[in-house]
Protein backbone atom coordinates (compact mmCIF):
# COMPACT_ATOMS: atom_id res chain seq x y z
CA MET A 1 -56.79 -32.75 54.73
CA ASN A 2 -59.52 -30.14 55.26
CA ILE A 3 -58.68 -26.49 54.80
CA ASP A 4 -62.21 -25.06 54.97
CA SER A 5 -61.33 -23.05 58.08
CA GLN A 6 -58.88 -20.94 56.11
CA PHE A 7 -61.67 -19.63 53.92
CA SER A 8 -64.41 -19.21 56.50
CA GLY A 9 -66.22 -15.92 55.96
CA LEU A 10 -64.16 -14.99 52.92
CA GLU A 11 -66.35 -16.39 50.13
CA ASP A 12 -69.87 -15.85 48.82
CA PRO A 13 -71.76 -19.13 49.43
CA ALA A 14 -74.34 -18.13 46.79
CA ASP A 15 -71.71 -18.00 44.03
CA THR A 16 -72.27 -20.96 41.69
CA ARG A 17 -70.34 -19.76 38.64
CA PRO A 18 -68.05 -22.47 37.26
CA ILE A 19 -64.27 -22.24 37.55
CA LEU A 20 -61.80 -23.08 34.80
CA ILE A 21 -58.28 -24.32 35.55
CA ILE A 22 -55.65 -23.98 32.83
CA PRO A 23 -52.98 -26.42 34.04
CA TYR A 24 -49.57 -27.38 32.78
CA MET A 25 -50.02 -30.02 30.09
CA TRP A 26 -47.11 -32.35 30.84
CA ILE A 27 -48.66 -35.57 32.18
CA GLY A 28 -47.10 -35.45 35.65
CA ASP A 29 -47.87 -31.76 36.07
CA PHE A 30 -51.44 -32.37 34.90
CA VAL A 31 -51.90 -35.06 37.57
CA ARG A 32 -50.50 -32.74 40.23
CA GLY A 33 -53.02 -30.16 39.07
CA HIS A 34 -55.69 -32.26 40.80
CA THR A 35 -54.46 -30.82 44.08
CA VAL A 36 -55.64 -27.42 42.77
CA VAL A 37 -59.03 -28.96 42.00
CA ARG A 38 -59.33 -30.28 45.54
CA VAL A 39 -58.41 -26.92 47.10
CA LEU A 40 -61.06 -25.21 44.96
CA ASN A 41 -63.67 -27.85 45.84
CA GLU A 42 -63.08 -27.14 49.53
CA ARG A 43 -62.99 -23.38 49.08
CA TRP A 44 -66.07 -23.16 46.82
CA PRO A 45 -68.14 -26.35 47.25
CA ASN A 46 -71.00 -24.91 45.14
CA ARG A 47 -68.88 -23.96 42.13
CA PRO A 48 -68.18 -26.61 39.46
CA VAL A 49 -64.55 -26.99 38.40
CA ASP A 50 -63.49 -27.72 34.81
CA LEU A 51 -60.04 -28.45 33.42
CA LEU A 52 -58.62 -27.39 30.09
CA THR A 53 -56.83 -30.40 28.63
CA THR A 54 -55.02 -31.63 25.56
CA PRO A 55 -56.14 -34.79 23.74
CA LEU A 56 -53.18 -36.61 25.32
CA CYS A 57 -54.15 -35.80 28.92
CA ALA A 58 -57.94 -35.99 28.40
CA PRO A 59 -58.33 -39.60 29.70
CA LEU A 60 -56.99 -38.50 33.10
CA VAL A 61 -59.97 -36.19 33.64
CA ASP A 62 -62.34 -39.18 33.64
CA TYR A 63 -60.70 -40.47 36.81
CA MET A 64 -60.38 -37.19 38.72
CA PRO A 65 -63.02 -36.75 41.44
CA GLY A 66 -64.30 -33.20 41.79
CA VAL A 67 -63.87 -32.28 38.13
CA ARG A 68 -67.11 -31.56 36.27
CA GLN A 69 -65.64 -31.92 32.79
CA GLY A 70 -62.55 -31.54 30.69
CA ILE A 71 -62.40 -28.98 27.89
CA THR A 72 -60.29 -30.72 25.25
CA TRP A 73 -58.48 -28.28 22.99
CA ASP A 74 -55.15 -28.66 21.26
CA LEU A 75 -53.00 -25.50 21.27
CA PRO A 76 -49.59 -25.97 19.62
CA ARG A 77 -46.63 -25.54 21.99
CA SER A 78 -44.33 -23.81 19.53
CA ARG A 79 -46.56 -21.13 17.97
CA LEU A 80 -49.35 -18.75 18.86
CA ALA A 81 -52.08 -20.29 16.62
CA VAL A 82 -54.37 -17.24 16.66
CA ASN A 83 -57.35 -19.01 15.09
CA ARG A 84 -57.14 -21.79 17.67
CA GLN A 85 -57.05 -19.20 20.46
CA PHE A 86 -60.17 -17.47 19.15
CA GLY A 87 -61.92 -20.82 18.77
CA LEU A 88 -61.11 -21.75 22.36
CA ALA A 89 -62.24 -18.33 23.59
CA LYS A 90 -65.61 -18.80 21.89
CA LEU A 91 -66.02 -22.18 23.59
CA LEU A 92 -65.12 -20.77 27.01
CA ARG A 93 -67.46 -17.79 26.61
CA GLU A 94 -70.40 -20.16 26.08
CA ARG A 95 -69.71 -21.82 29.44
CA ASN A 96 -70.03 -18.63 31.51
CA TYR A 97 -67.00 -19.12 33.73
CA GLY A 98 -66.66 -16.74 36.66
CA THR A 99 -63.00 -17.49 37.42
CA ALA A 100 -60.03 -18.83 35.48
CA LEU A 101 -56.85 -20.00 37.21
CA VAL A 102 -53.97 -19.76 34.74
CA LEU A 103 -51.24 -21.95 36.24
CA PRO A 104 -48.57 -21.55 33.52
CA ARG A 105 -46.90 -18.15 33.66
CA THR A 106 -46.73 -17.82 29.87
CA TRP A 107 -48.39 -15.09 27.84
CA LYS A 108 -49.99 -17.62 25.51
CA ALA A 109 -51.78 -19.51 28.31
CA ALA A 110 -53.71 -16.36 29.32
CA ILE A 111 -54.98 -15.30 25.88
CA ALA A 112 -58.16 -17.39 25.53
CA PRO A 113 -59.55 -16.65 29.04
CA ALA A 114 -59.09 -12.91 28.37
CA LEU A 115 -60.70 -13.11 24.93
CA ALA A 116 -63.57 -15.06 26.49
CA GLY A 117 -64.20 -12.22 28.96
CA ILE A 118 -63.92 -14.42 32.06
CA PRO A 119 -64.35 -11.81 34.83
CA GLU A 120 -61.66 -13.05 37.24
CA ARG A 121 -58.39 -14.30 35.72
CA VAL A 122 -55.87 -15.33 38.36
CA GLY A 123 -52.18 -15.91 37.71
CA PHE A 124 -48.64 -14.98 38.63
CA VAL A 125 -46.87 -12.03 37.09
CA GLY A 126 -45.02 -13.32 34.07
CA GLU A 127 -44.25 -12.54 30.43
CA ALA A 128 -45.88 -9.09 30.58
CA ARG A 129 -49.44 -10.43 30.66
CA PHE A 130 -50.91 -7.03 31.51
CA GLY A 131 -54.57 -6.95 30.48
CA LEU A 132 -54.72 -10.74 30.15
CA ILE A 133 -54.46 -11.49 33.89
CA ASN A 134 -56.49 -9.16 36.11
CA ARG A 135 -55.92 -10.79 39.52
CA TRP A 136 -52.15 -10.62 39.86
CA ARG A 137 -50.23 -12.78 42.30
CA TRP A 138 -46.69 -11.95 43.38
CA GLY A 139 -43.93 -13.85 45.13
CA GLU A 140 -43.82 -16.93 42.92
CA LYS A 141 -40.04 -17.24 43.23
CA ARG A 142 -40.26 -17.39 47.01
CA LEU A 143 -42.45 -20.49 46.93
CA PRO A 144 -40.34 -23.60 47.46
CA ARG A 145 -42.00 -26.18 45.20
CA PHE A 146 -43.90 -26.42 41.94
CA ILE A 147 -47.03 -27.59 43.77
CA ASP A 148 -46.85 -24.60 46.14
CA LYS A 149 -46.82 -22.22 43.17
CA ASN A 150 -49.84 -23.90 41.56
CA ALA A 151 -52.05 -24.62 44.55
CA SER A 152 -51.50 -21.21 46.13
CA LEU A 153 -53.38 -19.68 43.19
CA ALA A 154 -56.49 -21.52 44.42
CA GLN A 155 -56.22 -19.82 47.81
CA PRO A 156 -57.26 -16.27 48.68
CA ASP A 157 -54.53 -13.78 47.88
CA GLY A 158 -52.07 -13.60 50.75
CA ALA A 159 -53.25 -16.78 52.50
CA PRO A 160 -50.42 -18.73 54.14
CA LEU A 161 -49.42 -22.09 52.70
CA PRO A 162 -51.07 -24.95 54.60
CA PRO A 163 -48.88 -27.51 56.40
CA GLU A 164 -49.75 -29.95 53.63
CA TRP A 165 -51.81 -29.91 50.44
CA PRO A 166 -54.59 -32.34 49.50
CA VAL A 167 -52.94 -35.09 47.45
CA PRO A 168 -53.91 -35.78 43.82
CA GLN A 169 -56.38 -38.61 43.33
CA LEU A 170 -57.19 -40.83 40.38
CA ARG A 171 -60.01 -43.35 40.90
CA VAL A 172 -60.55 -46.18 38.45
CA PRO A 173 -63.62 -48.43 38.90
CA PRO A 174 -62.56 -52.05 39.60
CA GLY A 175 -64.84 -53.30 36.83
CA GLU A 176 -62.96 -51.20 34.29
CA VAL A 177 -59.67 -52.70 35.42
CA ALA A 178 -61.10 -56.21 35.15
CA ARG A 179 -62.36 -55.58 31.60
CA TRP A 180 -58.98 -54.13 30.63
CA ARG A 181 -57.20 -57.23 31.93
CA GLN A 182 -59.54 -59.51 30.00
CA ALA A 183 -59.22 -57.50 26.78
CA ASN A 184 -55.43 -57.73 26.98
CA GLY A 185 -55.33 -61.41 27.90
CA LEU A 186 -53.64 -60.76 31.24
CA THR A 187 -53.73 -63.31 34.02
CA GLY A 188 -54.23 -62.81 37.71
CA VAL A 189 -50.52 -63.20 38.45
CA THR A 190 -49.05 -60.27 40.35
CA ALA A 191 -47.49 -57.84 37.88
CA VAL A 192 -44.74 -55.28 38.13
CA ALA A 193 -45.37 -52.25 35.91
CA LEU A 194 -42.24 -50.59 34.58
CA GLY A 195 -42.17 -47.00 33.35
CA PRO A 196 -38.78 -46.71 31.60
CA GLY A 197 -39.46 -43.41 29.81
CA SER A 198 -39.10 -39.79 30.86
CA VAL A 199 -38.75 -36.32 29.41
CA GLY A 200 -34.97 -36.15 29.20
CA ALA A 201 -32.54 -39.03 28.81
CA SER A 202 -30.72 -38.28 32.07
CA LYS A 203 -33.75 -39.33 34.14
CA ARG A 204 -33.87 -42.83 32.62
CA TRP A 205 -32.57 -45.66 34.79
CA THR A 206 -30.16 -47.96 32.98
CA TYR A 207 -31.11 -51.46 34.09
CA TYR A 208 -34.80 -52.08 33.37
CA PRO A 209 -34.03 -55.10 31.12
CA GLU A 210 -31.99 -56.82 33.84
CA ALA A 211 -34.64 -56.03 36.47
CA ALA A 212 -37.37 -57.52 34.24
CA ARG A 213 -35.39 -60.74 33.89
CA GLN A 214 -35.01 -61.02 37.66
CA PHE A 215 -38.70 -60.34 38.28
CA VAL A 216 -39.69 -63.10 35.86
CA GLU A 217 -37.34 -65.53 37.60
CA LYS A 218 -39.23 -64.79 40.82
CA GLY A 219 -42.60 -65.71 39.29
CA LEU A 220 -43.88 -62.23 38.52
CA GLU A 221 -45.31 -60.82 35.34
CA VAL A 222 -43.80 -57.61 33.98
CA TRP A 223 -45.65 -54.93 32.03
CA VAL A 224 -43.75 -52.21 30.21
CA VAL A 225 -45.89 -49.06 30.18
CA GLY A 226 -45.37 -45.86 28.23
CA GLY A 227 -46.04 -43.97 25.03
CA PRO A 228 -44.93 -44.71 21.48
CA GLY A 229 -41.57 -43.08 22.22
CA GLU A 230 -40.81 -45.93 24.66
CA LYS A 231 -41.45 -48.70 22.11
CA ALA A 232 -37.76 -49.40 21.47
CA MET A 233 -37.02 -49.57 25.20
CA ALA A 234 -40.00 -51.87 25.69
CA GLN A 235 -38.74 -54.26 23.01
CA GLU A 236 -35.32 -54.39 24.69
CA ILE A 237 -36.95 -55.20 28.03
CA VAL A 238 -39.17 -57.89 26.47
CA ALA A 239 -36.14 -59.45 24.80
CA ALA A 240 -34.34 -59.65 28.15
CA GLY A 241 -37.26 -61.01 30.17
CA GLY A 242 -39.01 -63.34 27.75
CA PRO A 243 -42.71 -64.17 27.24
CA ARG A 244 -43.83 -63.15 30.72
CA VAL A 245 -42.92 -59.56 29.88
CA ARG A 246 -45.60 -57.64 28.01
CA ASP A 247 -45.13 -54.52 25.93
CA LEU A 248 -48.10 -52.30 26.80
CA THR A 249 -46.74 -49.09 25.30
CA GLY A 250 -48.97 -47.18 22.90
CA ASN A 251 -50.73 -43.95 22.01
CA ASP A 252 -53.63 -44.11 24.47
CA LEU A 253 -52.81 -42.78 27.94
CA ARG A 254 -55.91 -44.54 29.30
CA ASN A 255 -54.13 -47.83 28.69
CA GLY A 256 -51.26 -46.63 30.86
CA VAL A 257 -53.62 -45.52 33.63
CA LEU A 258 -55.34 -48.90 33.70
CA ALA A 259 -52.03 -50.78 33.66
CA MET A 260 -50.80 -48.80 36.64
CA ALA A 261 -54.12 -49.34 38.43
CA ALA A 262 -53.93 -53.12 37.90
CA ALA A 263 -50.26 -53.60 38.83
CA GLY A 264 -49.06 -54.88 42.18
CA VAL A 265 -46.21 -52.37 42.19
CA ALA A 266 -45.09 -49.67 39.76
CA ILE A 267 -41.44 -48.77 39.17
CA SER A 268 -40.80 -45.59 37.26
CA ASN A 269 -38.31 -42.88 36.54
CA ASP A 270 -39.23 -39.33 37.51
CA SER A 271 -42.03 -39.12 34.94
CA GLY A 272 -45.74 -38.68 34.40
CA LEU A 273 -46.39 -42.39 34.93
CA MET A 274 -44.86 -42.17 38.41
CA HIS A 275 -47.40 -39.48 39.33
CA ILE A 276 -50.26 -41.47 37.78
CA ALA A 277 -49.39 -44.62 39.72
CA ALA A 278 -49.02 -42.75 43.00
CA ALA A 279 -52.32 -40.90 42.54
CA LEU A 280 -54.05 -44.23 41.86
CA GLY A 281 -52.79 -45.59 45.17
CA THR A 282 -50.65 -48.28 43.54
CA PRO A 283 -47.46 -48.89 45.58
CA THR A 284 -44.97 -46.83 43.58
CA MET A 285 -41.18 -46.79 43.48
CA GLY A 286 -39.62 -43.67 42.01
CA ILE A 287 -36.03 -43.82 40.72
CA PHE A 288 -34.30 -40.47 41.03
CA GLY A 289 -30.91 -39.35 39.76
CA PRO A 290 -30.57 -35.86 38.32
CA THR A 291 -33.77 -34.51 39.90
CA SER A 292 -34.69 -33.87 43.53
CA PRO A 293 -37.36 -36.05 45.17
CA TYR A 294 -38.20 -33.13 47.47
CA LEU A 295 -39.13 -30.96 44.50
CA TRP A 296 -40.56 -33.53 42.09
CA ALA A 297 -41.78 -36.64 43.92
CA PRO A 298 -45.56 -37.10 44.13
CA LEU A 299 -47.38 -35.52 47.06
CA ASN A 300 -49.03 -38.90 47.60
CA GLY A 301 -45.76 -40.32 48.85
CA LEU A 302 -43.85 -43.22 47.38
CA ALA A 303 -43.53 -46.78 48.58
CA ALA A 304 -39.81 -46.29 47.97
CA THR A 305 -37.62 -43.46 46.73
CA VAL A 306 -34.63 -45.06 45.03
CA VAL A 307 -31.43 -43.03 44.71
CA GLN A 308 -27.79 -44.06 44.41
CA ASP A 309 -26.06 -44.02 47.80
CA LYS A 310 -22.64 -45.44 46.94
CA SER A 311 -20.96 -42.06 46.69
CA ILE A 312 -21.64 -38.34 46.93
CA LEU A 313 -21.80 -36.75 43.49
CA SER A 314 -21.09 -33.03 43.42
CA CYS A 315 -23.29 -32.61 40.34
CA GLN A 316 -26.41 -34.11 41.90
CA PRO A 317 -29.14 -32.98 41.57
CA CYS A 318 -28.37 -31.15 38.32
CA GLN A 319 -31.96 -30.94 36.99
CA SER A 320 -30.49 -31.37 33.49
CA THR A 321 -32.15 -33.46 30.80
CA ILE A 322 -28.77 -34.66 29.46
CA CYS A 323 -25.89 -35.89 31.63
CA ARG A 324 -22.77 -33.77 31.16
CA MET A 325 -20.74 -34.99 34.15
CA ASN A 326 -19.74 -38.26 35.83
CA ASP A 327 -20.99 -40.51 33.02
CA HIS A 328 -24.57 -40.81 34.38
CA ARG A 329 -23.36 -42.40 37.63
CA CYS A 330 -26.40 -41.10 39.54
CA MET A 331 -28.41 -43.71 37.61
CA ARG A 332 -25.78 -46.31 36.65
CA ASP A 333 -24.83 -46.91 40.29
CA ILE A 334 -28.37 -48.07 41.17
CA ALA A 335 -28.16 -51.85 40.74
CA ALA A 336 -31.00 -53.93 39.30
CA SER A 337 -30.73 -56.35 42.21
CA ASP A 338 -31.28 -53.51 44.68
CA VAL A 339 -34.42 -52.33 42.88
CA VAL A 340 -35.79 -55.88 42.66
CA ALA A 341 -35.16 -56.47 46.37
CA ILE A 342 -36.95 -53.25 47.31
CA ALA A 343 -39.88 -54.14 45.02
CA GLN A 344 -40.22 -57.54 46.68
CA ARG A 345 -40.38 -55.87 50.08
CA VAL A 346 -42.99 -53.42 48.81
CA LEU A 347 -45.09 -56.27 47.39
CA SER A 348 -44.84 -58.16 50.67
CA GLU A 349 -45.87 -55.14 52.70
CA SER A 350 -48.80 -54.39 50.40
CA GLY A 351 -50.08 -57.97 50.59
CA ALA A 352 -49.41 -58.86 46.95
CA ARG A 353 -48.12 -62.34 46.24
CA ALA A 354 -46.20 -63.83 43.35
CA THR A 355 -47.67 -66.95 41.74
CA THR A 356 -45.11 -69.46 40.44
């Protein structure tokens, strides 16, 4: 999508000052932040765009077209960390940013850009950030989706929302995928990547072990992808599926990116890995229960959105991280056989083939 026409005549083409984006640091939100990058690239093609990132999300920046560099800095979530804020401000001041887009509406997220003296600091009204944000935006609550709130900050103040936003993109060189496969001893057999984790137990589908067993019976390899918190789930899935199921969970997010890039199809809960796979262009199936696909599915679109359709649950979507009603039926009523059948159709449509 090209939205240049919206900004025609509104910007100074001689402005080359770099722009800093301070995104949300959850993995899925960070991936969706690439839409903001793309809007800025179209609005100001001569201004480099940098992203503030945590060590966890830093590998994603390497695969984001249109980003000059990531500024890796670890600010604790639960405390102010004044010394860390001053250290970050010093680093930002040295880079001579002309604009900072502060996507989170927290007070803490706006401190370092203000201390760094970045001339234009754009953000929504929130948490009494007077003096920290100097280009206020209003009307956040009227915007329907999370992506609308974020990407609208990259537009001129008052500009209407476009019919659609540029989708996030992650591009991994094929040679890097091939080297990753070789280093991990993975064959050329079509693989299904499973992302069983999520922030919040209610978003976790129940039957990954059974699905893995069925995939193996059909001649497919299965890779379990996630962080160290998914290790126990991965071991359960490996035990159910046998030696053709690989546990690829670990501390390095880059490993997860490459696994999703190499897979024939990715199946994931509503999680960061779902957004990574979709942004890579891997056919992606998202399993939704307590959350709304309209609000939280990737902009890229999914090969399949899987929800339970056996009954109407009055509690759905609840947006809660823990199920408090109906014994998690929104996830338990999605059968493993249904997910496997959909995945086979997706693989067939994408041209992937199982090797027996």
